Amino acid sequence: MIRKLKEGISVEEAATNDAQVRQIVEDILSDIEQRGDTAVREYAEKFDNWTDENILLSREHIDSCYQRLDEQVISDIKYAQEQVRNFAQIQKDALQDVEVETQPGVVLGHKNIAVNSVGCYVPGGKYPLVASAHMSVVTAKVAGVQRIIACAPPFEGEPNPAIVVAMDLAGADEIYCMGGVQAVGAMALGTETIAAVDMLVGPGNAFVAEAKRQLFGRVGIDLFAGPTETLVIADDTVDGELCATDLLGQAEHGTNSPAILLTNSEKLAIDTMAQVQEQLKTLETSEIAGKAWEDYGQVILCDSYDEMVEVADSIASEHVQVMTTDPDYFLNNMTNYGALFLGAETNVSYGDKVVGTNHTLPTKQAARYTGGLWVGKFIKTCTYQRLTEEASHRIGEYCSRLCAIEGFAGHKAQADIRVARYAKKLGKVG
């Protein structure tokens, strides 16, 4: 039996919040489309307190950011990017072009072609998410994207030096100091000074996620990566202190970040809830994490692993941390998740920052139909075909009859003209 020991806000209340966000984003994007740079600069000043006329950072400005960082910080950024780059290259190497003769004279194939231009959004308002530069820019670079631009909001009135250095080391061709809907809108729609991109990637708050949703179709997007979600699946092999730490470690992303404990141990459930309250007394980000836990935190009690898998797949969480006797049971049986973190030895923070897998992952149950950002998201798999005259005559006869079934006279004519011409050349007339 599945029991909820703690629930978050209602579905209706969440829907109301989403509707408010949707209207605000629609208005901003419309304004940017009409007024271009002027609108972008106004929103940059309004939302980010950025008053500098230039939002594109010069080489001199970028170089000055290096001077503001300790060598250890730069070294750590390089280390993290090396891990992301290495795994992205391994993934790319798994993508192969193919060409095969499927029947005499019929050659079919596909080529993997990188997207021409990408806009990478790096969150940085509440927290300067340096790691997001690695995840988007480095991965796009490995994929072979020709033009990569990157945006991040100022942090405390200035471009965050660690983010700027990370973007630069990752290989961004243009770096802009702007955030939120105005950044996503400017990259996708283009302005007088910013050439529009073909694709948007990167995580963000609810407004950024909604902007990407509204822009999808005009440009490609990686996925819907909104407020962070975490699901901890645990049994009595771990304790409440560890579970609470891992729940709050992701709840601190934002006040609307769901954090859920799914367990078959009532003792662990009760212990974890108590530990959450205890840790909130000293956690530096308790104001955010505590609100997220109050409004979006859940504790769900199940009787068996089978029930836990059923619930976990229905939640389809962005991050799923498994701390059980047999973590591989969930690896082998779960189907809906952004990323799995198997065993108490790992945690979501490792994936967020440094281990090498990508931290831009599907939220709001999008894990039901997509995985996270990876090198393949920047690559189009495009097919082609090549036929001999004899094969065209043979295939054309089938195609003509199939077009007739559907009533497509023009399609049929494309086949018929080739059947007739090649029949003469091949001596197949009469």
Protein backbone atom coordinates (compact mmCIF):
# COMPACT_ATOMS: atom_id res chain seq x y z
CA MET A 1 0.00 0.00 0.00
CA ILE A 2 1.25 3.49 -0.89
CA ARG A 3 0.88 6.16 1.80
CA LYS A 4 1.88 9.82 1.75
CA LEU A 5 3.22 10.97 5.11
CA LYS A 6 3.86 14.48 3.77
CA GLU A 7 2.45 16.27 0.74
CA GLY A 8 3.29 19.51 -1.06
CA ILE A 9 1.06 22.20 -2.53
CA SER A 10 -2.01 21.19 -4.53
CA VAL A 11 -2.04 20.61 -8.26
CA GLU A 12 -4.45 23.54 -8.62
CA GLU A 13 -2.15 25.96 -6.83
CA ALA A 14 0.82 24.84 -8.93
CA ALA A 15 -1.25 25.37 -12.10
CA THR A 16 -2.14 28.92 -11.03
CA ASN A 17 1.55 29.70 -10.50
CA ASP A 18 2.37 28.32 -13.95
CA ALA A 19 -0.30 30.46 -15.60
CA GLN A 20 1.10 33.64 -14.05
CA VAL A 21 4.60 32.79 -15.25
CA ARG A 22 3.31 32.00 -18.75
CA GLN A 23 1.73 35.43 -19.21
CA ILE A 24 4.75 37.36 -17.93
CA VAL A 25 7.07 35.46 -20.27
CA GLU A 26 4.77 35.94 -23.27
CA ASP A 27 4.74 39.70 -22.74
CA ILE A 28 8.53 39.96 -22.41
CA LEU A 29 9.22 37.87 -25.51
CA SER A 30 6.76 39.91 -27.55
CA ASP A 31 8.46 43.12 -26.43
CA ILE A 32 11.92 41.81 -27.33
CA GLU A 33 10.71 40.75 -30.76
CA GLN A 34 9.34 44.23 -31.41
CA ARG A 35 11.99 46.46 -29.83
CA GLY A 36 15.14 44.32 -29.93
CA ASP A 37 18.22 45.68 -28.14
CA THR A 38 16.28 48.50 -26.50
CA ALA A 39 13.94 46.08 -24.77
CA VAL A 40 16.78 43.73 -23.78
CA ARG A 41 18.73 46.57 -22.14
CA GLU A 42 15.64 47.79 -20.28
CA TYR A 43 14.95 44.33 -18.88
CA ALA A 44 18.63 43.89 -18.01
CA GLU A 45 18.47 47.06 -15.93
CA LYS A 46 15.08 46.20 -14.40
CA PHE A 47 15.77 42.60 -13.43
CA ASP A 48 19.58 42.42 -13.17
CA ASN A 49 20.53 46.01 -12.26
CA TRP A 50 22.83 46.02 -15.28
CA THR A 51 23.29 49.58 -16.53
CA ASP A 52 26.32 49.14 -18.79
CA GLU A 53 25.45 49.87 -22.43
CA ASN A 54 27.38 46.78 -23.51
CA ILE A 55 26.04 43.34 -22.69
CA LEU A 56 28.60 41.62 -24.92
CA LEU A 57 31.79 41.18 -22.88
CA SER A 58 35.00 42.28 -24.58
CA ARG A 59 38.19 40.23 -24.60
CA GLU A 60 39.63 42.70 -22.14
CA HIS A 61 36.70 42.23 -19.77
CA ILE A 62 36.95 38.46 -20.03
CA ASP A 63 40.71 38.54 -19.34
CA SER A 64 40.13 40.68 -16.26
CA CYS A 65 37.88 37.93 -14.86
CA TYR A 66 40.85 35.54 -14.87
CA GLN A 67 42.79 38.01 -12.76
CA ARG A 68 40.05 38.05 -10.15
CA LEU A 69 40.20 34.29 -9.54
CA ASP A 70 42.62 32.21 -7.50
CA GLU A 71 44.68 29.69 -9.46
CA GLN A 72 42.99 26.90 -7.52
CA VAL A 73 39.56 28.02 -8.74
CA ILE A 74 40.75 28.07 -12.36
CA SER A 75 42.37 24.67 -11.89
CA ASP A 76 39.17 23.21 -10.44
CA ILE A 77 37.12 24.58 -13.35
CA LYS A 78 39.55 22.99 -15.80
CA TYR A 79 39.32 19.66 -13.95
CA ALA A 80 35.51 19.66 -14.06
CA GLN A 81 35.50 20.55 -17.75
CA GLU A 82 37.96 17.76 -18.48
CA GLN A 83 35.53 15.24 -16.97
CA VAL A 84 32.56 16.60 -18.93
CA ARG A 85 34.57 16.81 -22.15
CA ASN A 86 35.85 13.26 -21.78
CA PHE A 87 32.40 11.72 -21.27
CA ALA A 88 30.89 13.84 -24.05
CA GLN A 89 33.59 12.60 -26.44
CA ILE A 90 32.87 9.00 -25.43
CA GLN A 91 29.20 9.61 -26.20
CA LYS A 92 30.01 11.22 -29.55
CA ASP A 93 32.23 8.31 -30.52
CA ALA A 94 29.20 6.05 -30.07
CA LEU A 95 27.39 7.95 -32.85
CA GLN A 96 28.35 6.55 -36.23
CA ASP A 97 27.47 7.58 -39.77
CA VAL A 98 26.05 4.65 -41.74
CA GLU A 99 25.72 3.74 -45.42
CA VAL A 100 24.40 0.39 -46.58
CA GLU A 101 23.09 -1.21 -49.78
CA THR A 102 19.72 -2.49 -48.58
CA GLN A 103 18.93 -4.22 -51.91
CA PRO A 104 20.67 -4.23 -55.29
CA GLY A 105 21.18 -0.65 -56.42
CA VAL A 106 19.58 0.97 -53.35
CA VAL A 107 22.01 2.74 -51.01
CA LEU A 108 20.64 4.30 -47.80
CA GLY A 109 22.56 6.16 -45.16
CA HIS A 110 22.60 8.77 -42.47
CA LYS A 111 25.05 11.45 -41.44
CA ASN A 112 25.42 13.01 -37.99
CA ILE A 113 25.61 16.77 -38.47
CA ALA A 114 26.11 19.29 -35.68
CA VAL A 115 23.69 22.19 -35.27
CA ASN A 116 25.22 25.40 -36.67
CA SER A 117 24.62 27.75 -33.74
CA VAL A 118 23.63 27.33 -30.11
CA GLY A 119 22.76 29.71 -27.28
CA CYS A 120 23.78 28.44 -23.85
CA TYR A 121 22.03 29.84 -20.79
CA VAL A 122 23.92 29.72 -17.49
CA PRO A 123 21.88 30.60 -14.38
CA GLY A 124 23.59 33.02 -12.04
CA GLY A 125 21.13 35.26 -10.23
CA LYS A 126 20.64 33.52 -6.88
CA TYR A 127 23.66 31.22 -7.23
CA PRO A 128 26.43 31.54 -9.83
CA LEU A 129 26.05 28.11 -11.45
CA VAL A 130 29.54 27.78 -12.91
CA ALA A 131 28.94 24.11 -13.69
CA SER A 132 26.22 24.94 -16.20
CA ALA A 133 28.87 26.49 -18.44
CA HIS A 134 30.69 23.16 -18.57
CA MET A 135 27.55 21.19 -19.25
CA SER A 136 26.32 23.28 -22.17
CA VAL A 137 29.31 24.96 -23.82
CA VAL A 138 31.79 22.09 -23.49
CA THR A 139 29.26 19.55 -24.75
CA ALA A 140 28.29 21.73 -27.72
CA LYS A 141 31.96 22.19 -28.56
CA VAL A 142 32.59 18.44 -28.54
CA ALA A 143 29.56 17.98 -30.79
CA GLY A 144 31.12 20.33 -33.36
CA VAL A 145 28.78 23.34 -33.12
CA GLN A 146 30.29 26.20 -35.16
CA ARG A 147 28.97 29.19 -33.18
CA ILE A 148 28.34 29.00 -29.45
CA ILE A 149 27.11 32.01 -27.52
CA ALA A 150 26.62 32.05 -23.79
CA CYS A 151 24.62 34.22 -21.42
CA ALA A 152 24.62 34.58 -17.65
CA PRO A 153 23.14 37.32 -15.48
CA PRO A 154 25.39 39.57 -13.43
CA PHE A 155 26.00 38.51 -9.85
CA GLU A 156 25.79 41.37 -7.38
CA GLY A 157 26.01 43.90 -10.20
CA GLU A 158 29.04 42.42 -11.98
CA PRO A 159 29.70 39.59 -14.41
CA ASN A 160 30.55 36.63 -12.22
CA PRO A 161 34.25 35.99 -12.91
CA ALA A 162 34.07 32.23 -12.36
CA ILE A 163 31.17 31.87 -14.80
CA VAL A 164 32.87 34.06 -17.40
CA VAL A 165 36.14 32.12 -17.12
CA ALA A 166 34.26 28.82 -17.32
CA MET A 167 32.44 29.96 -20.46
CA ASP A 168 35.70 31.11 -22.02
CA LEU A 169 37.65 27.97 -21.15
CA ALA A 170 34.76 25.89 -22.47
CA GLY A 171 35.03 27.59 -25.86
CA ALA A 172 32.17 30.11 -26.07
CA ASP A 173 32.52 32.42 -29.09
CA GLU A 174 30.45 35.25 -27.60
CA ILE A 175 29.76 35.91 -23.92
CA TYR A 176 26.90 38.16 -22.84
CA CYS A 177 26.10 39.50 -19.39
CA MET A 178 22.33 39.14 -19.23
CA GLY A 179 19.94 36.71 -17.64
CA GLY A 180 16.37 35.54 -17.44
CA VAL A 181 13.77 35.71 -20.18
CA GLN A 182 15.55 38.62 -21.88
CA ALA A 183 18.67 36.50 -22.40
CA VAL A 184 16.80 33.49 -23.76
CA GLY A 185 14.62 35.72 -25.92
CA ALA A 186 17.54 37.70 -27.34
CA MET A 187 19.44 34.55 -28.28
CA ALA A 188 16.45 32.88 -29.92
CA LEU A 189 14.79 35.86 -31.60
CA GLY A 190 17.90 37.91 -32.35
CA THR A 191 18.30 41.67 -32.06
CA GLU A 192 20.12 44.38 -33.97
CA THR A 193 23.42 43.27 -32.40
CA ILE A 194 22.83 39.60 -31.54
CA ALA A 195 22.43 37.09 -34.36
CA ALA A 196 19.73 34.55 -33.57
CA VAL A 197 20.78 30.97 -32.82
CA ASP A 198 19.31 27.70 -34.03
CA MET A 199 19.01 26.08 -30.62
CA LEU A 200 18.73 26.99 -26.92
CA VAL A 201 20.16 24.91 -24.10
CA GLY A 202 20.68 25.18 -20.37
CA PRO A 203 18.71 25.05 -17.14
CA GLY A 204 16.97 27.96 -15.45
CA ASN A 205 14.17 29.05 -13.18
CA ALA A 206 10.48 28.76 -14.00
CA PHE A 207 10.59 31.88 -16.21
CA VAL A 208 13.55 30.65 -18.27
CA ALA A 209 11.95 27.22 -18.68
CA GLU A 210 8.68 28.80 -19.81
CA ALA A 211 10.52 31.06 -22.26
CA LYS A 212 12.19 28.03 -23.83
CA ARG A 213 8.81 26.31 -24.06
CA GLN A 214 7.25 29.27 -25.85
CA LEU A 215 10.21 29.63 -28.22
CA PHE A 216 10.34 25.94 -29.11
CA GLY A 217 9.60 25.56 -32.79
CA ARG A 218 11.20 28.84 -33.75
CA VAL A 219 14.38 27.33 -32.37
CA GLY A 220 15.25 23.93 -31.04
CA ILE A 221 15.68 23.37 -27.33
CA ASP A 222 17.48 20.73 -25.36
CA LEU A 223 14.56 19.93 -23.04
CA PHE A 224 12.33 21.50 -20.42
CA ALA A 225 14.77 22.05 -17.57
CA GLY A 226 12.93 24.05 -14.95
CA PRO A 227 13.18 24.11 -11.15
CA THR A 228 15.36 21.33 -9.76
CA GLU A 229 13.67 18.11 -8.64
CA THR A 230 15.12 15.36 -6.51
CA LEU A 231 13.78 11.97 -5.49
CA VAL A 232 15.58 9.96 -2.82
CA ILE A 233 14.75 6.26 -2.88
CA ALA A 234 15.97 4.66 0.34
CA ASP A 235 15.50 1.71 2.66
CA ASP A 236 16.76 0.99 6.17
CA THR A 237 20.34 0.49 4.98
CA VAL A 238 20.79 4.26 5.35
CA ASP A 239 19.79 6.78 8.00
CA GLY A 240 17.66 9.89 8.18
CA GLU A 241 20.62 12.23 8.45
CA LEU A 242 21.97 11.18 5.06
CA CYS A 243 18.53 11.30 3.41
CA ALA A 244 17.78 14.74 4.86
CA THR A 245 21.15 16.07 3.71
CA ASP A 246 20.54 14.88 0.17
CA LEU A 247 16.99 16.23 0.06
CA LEU A 248 17.92 19.67 1.33
CA GLY A 249 21.04 19.71 -0.84
CA GLN A 250 18.77 19.99 -3.88
CA ALA A 251 15.87 21.87 -2.27
CA GLU A 252 18.22 24.85 -1.85
CA HIS A 253 18.08 25.44 -5.62
CA GLY A 254 14.81 27.33 -5.25
CA THR A 255 11.68 27.70 -3.19
CA ASN A 256 9.74 25.71 -5.82
CA SER A 257 12.16 22.78 -6.02
CA PRO A 258 10.42 19.46 -5.20
CA ALA A 259 12.31 17.12 -2.86
CA ILE A 260 10.74 13.72 -2.27
CA LEU A 261 11.63 10.76 -0.07
CA LEU A 262 10.34 7.39 -1.29
CA THR A 263 10.93 4.56 1.16
CA ASN A 264 9.67 1.23 2.45
CA SER A 265 10.76 2.05 6.00
CA GLU A 266 8.39 4.07 8.18
CA LYS A 267 11.17 4.48 10.74
CA LEU A 268 13.44 6.04 8.11
CA ALA A 269 10.61 8.29 6.91
CA ILE A 270 9.96 9.67 10.38
CA ASP A 271 13.68 10.00 11.13
CA THR A 272 14.28 11.85 7.86
CA MET A 273 11.51 14.39 8.51
CA ALA A 274 12.94 15.05 11.95
CA GLN A 275 16.45 15.40 10.54
CA VAL A 276 15.23 17.88 7.91
CA GLN A 277 13.91 20.16 10.64
CA GLU A 278 17.12 19.79 12.62
CA GLN A 279 19.40 20.56 9.68
CA LEU A 280 17.32 23.59 8.65
CA LYS A 281 18.38 25.21 11.95
CA THR A 282 21.97 25.49 10.75
CA LEU A 283 21.86 25.25 6.94
CA GLU A 284 23.01 28.56 5.43
CA THR A 285 20.44 28.28 2.66
CA SER A 286 17.61 27.26 4.98
CA GLU A 287 15.38 30.16 3.97
CA ILE A 288 15.17 28.73 0.44
CA ALA A 289 15.47 25.03 1.21
CA GLY A 290 13.00 25.23 4.09
CA LYS A 291 10.36 26.93 1.96
CA ALA A 292 10.88 24.36 -0.82
CA TRP A 293 10.50 21.51 1.68
CA GLU A 294 7.40 23.07 3.23
CA ASP A 295 5.62 23.66 -0.09
CA TYR A 296 6.99 20.95 -2.36
CA GLY A 297 8.51 18.30 -0.08
CA GLN A 298 6.89 14.87 0.07
CA VAL A 299 7.44 11.64 1.98
CA ILE A 300 5.94 8.53 0.42
CA LEU A 301 5.85 5.14 2.13
CA CYS A 302 5.61 1.89 0.16
CA ASP A 303 5.54 -1.78 1.06
CA SER A 304 7.90 -3.14 -1.58
CA TYR A 305 10.53 -2.36 -4.19
CA ASP A 306 7.91 -3.00 -6.88
CA GLU A 307 5.67 -0.28 -5.43
CA MET A 308 8.64 2.06 -5.15
CA VAL A 309 9.47 1.58 -8.83
CA GLU A 310 5.82 2.20 -9.76
CA VAL A 311 5.72 5.46 -7.79
CA ALA A 312 9.14 6.59 -8.96
CA ASP A 313 8.22 6.09 -12.62
CA SER A 314 4.99 8.06 -12.14
CA ILE A 315 6.93 10.93 -10.57
CA ALA A 316 9.58 10.81 -13.35
CA SER A 317 11.95 12.97 -11.31
CA GLU A 318 14.90 14.88 -12.69
CA HIS A 319 17.35 13.39 -10.16
CA VAL A 320 16.83 10.00 -8.55
CA GLN A 321 19.18 8.98 -5.78
CA VAL A 322 18.98 5.30 -4.86
CA MET A 323 20.29 4.21 -1.46
CA THR A 324 19.02 0.68 -0.96
CA THR A 325 20.29 -2.85 -0.44
CA ASP A 326 20.13 -3.43 -4.20
CA PRO A 327 20.47 -0.16 -6.18
CA ASP A 328 20.76 -2.07 -9.45
CA TYR A 329 17.18 -3.28 -9.02
CA PHE A 330 16.08 0.29 -9.75
CA LEU A 331 18.59 0.68 -12.58
CA ASN A 332 17.18 -2.46 -14.20
CA ASN A 333 13.49 -1.71 -13.61
CA MET A 334 12.93 2.05 -13.65
CA THR A 335 12.13 3.71 -16.97
CA ASN A 336 11.37 7.37 -16.16
CA TYR A 337 14.16 9.51 -14.70
CA GLY A 338 16.60 12.22 -15.70
CA ALA A 339 19.65 10.68 -14.04
CA LEU A 340 20.23 7.91 -11.51
CA PHE A 341 22.72 8.11 -8.66
CA LEU A 342 23.29 4.58 -7.45
CA GLY A 343 24.40 3.87 -3.89
CA ALA A 344 25.13 6.01 -0.86
CA GLU A 345 28.65 6.61 -2.17
CA THR A 346 27.42 8.99 -4.86
CA ASN A 347 24.98 11.91 -4.74
CA VAL A 348 23.33 14.47 -7.00
CA SER A 349 25.93 17.10 -6.17
CA TYR A 350 28.64 15.02 -7.86
CA GLY A 351 26.60 14.90 -11.04
CA ASP A 352 25.76 18.59 -10.76
CA LYS A 353 29.35 19.72 -10.53
CA VAL A 354 32.14 17.43 -11.56
CA VAL A 355 31.77 13.70 -12.18
CA GLY A 356 31.27 14.10 -15.95
CA THR A 357 27.63 13.30 -16.71
CA ASN A 358 25.50 16.25 -17.76
CA HIS A 359 23.42 18.06 -15.15
CA THR A 360 20.89 19.61 -17.54
CA LEU A 361 18.04 17.14 -17.09
CA PRO A 362 14.28 16.88 -17.76
CA THR A 363 11.82 18.20 -15.18
CA LYS A 364 8.04 18.23 -14.78
CA GLN A 365 7.75 14.58 -15.87
CA ALA A 366 9.50 15.21 -19.20
CA ALA A 367 11.68 12.23 -18.27
CA ARG A 368 8.76 10.12 -19.56
CA TYR A 369 9.87 10.94 -23.12
CA THR A 370 13.39 12.39 -23.07
CA GLY A 371 16.74 12.02 -21.42
CA GLY A 372 19.01 14.86 -20.39
CA LEU A 373 21.36 17.08 -22.35
CA TRP A 374 24.16 15.14 -24.04
CA VAL A 375 26.35 15.52 -27.09
CA GLY A 376 23.68 13.91 -29.27
CA LYS A 377 21.22 16.74 -28.55
CA PHE A 378 23.45 19.06 -30.62
CA ILE A 379 23.58 16.63 -33.53
CA LYS A 380 21.04 16.07 -36.29
CA THR A 381 20.92 12.57 -37.77
CA CYS A 382 20.05 13.23 -41.42
CA THR A 383 19.25 10.50 -43.93
CA TYR A 384 20.06 10.23 -47.64
CA GLN A 385 19.46 7.78 -50.47
CA ARG A 386 21.12 6.87 -53.77
CA LEU A 387 19.65 4.54 -56.45
CA THR A 388 20.82 3.06 -59.74
CA GLU A 389 18.59 3.29 -62.82
CA GLU A 390 17.58 -0.34 -62.50
CA ALA A 391 16.76 0.07 -58.82
CA SER A 392 14.78 3.24 -59.57
CA HIS A 393 12.72 1.34 -62.17
CA ARG A 394 12.01 -1.47 -59.68
CA ILE A 395 11.24 0.75 -56.69
CA GLY A 396 9.24 3.11 -58.91
CA GLU A 397 6.72 0.43 -59.82
CA TYR A 398 5.99 -0.20 -56.15
CA CYS A 399 5.90 3.53 -55.39
CA SER A 400 3.45 4.22 -58.23
CA ARG A 401 0.96 1.68 -56.96
CA LEU A 402 1.32 2.84 -53.35
CA CYS A 403 0.74 6.49 -54.37
CA ALA A 404 -2.41 5.47 -56.23
CA ILE A 405 -3.80 3.90 -53.05
CA GLU A 406 -3.47 7.28 -51.31
CA GLY A 407 -4.69 9.38 -54.24
CA PHE A 408 -1.42 11.29 -54.58
CA ALA A 409 -1.34 11.87 -58.34
CA GLY A 410 1.73 14.13 -58.26
CA HIS A 411 3.68 11.66 -56.18
CA LYS A 412 2.66 8.89 -58.58
CA ALA A 413 3.85 10.95 -61.54
CA GLN A 414 7.32 11.30 -59.97
CA ALA A 415 7.60 7.53 -59.91
CA ASP A 416 5.94 6.91 -63.30
CA ILE A 417 8.24 9.19 -65.28
CA ARG A 418 11.28 7.32 -64.01
CA VAL A 419 9.76 3.91 -64.54
CA ALA A 420 9.02 4.85 -68.17
CA ARG A 421 12.39 6.41 -68.92
CA TYR A 422 14.51 3.71 -67.33
CA ALA A 423 12.37 0.96 -68.85
CA LYS A 424 13.46 2.15 -72.32
CA LYS A 425 17.12 2.43 -71.36
CA LEU A 426 17.13 -0.95 -69.68
CA GLY A 427 15.20 -2.69 -72.46
CA LYS A 428 12.24 -3.53 -70.22
CA VAL A 429 9.53 -2.13 -72.50
CA GLY A 430 6.74 -4.41 -73.64
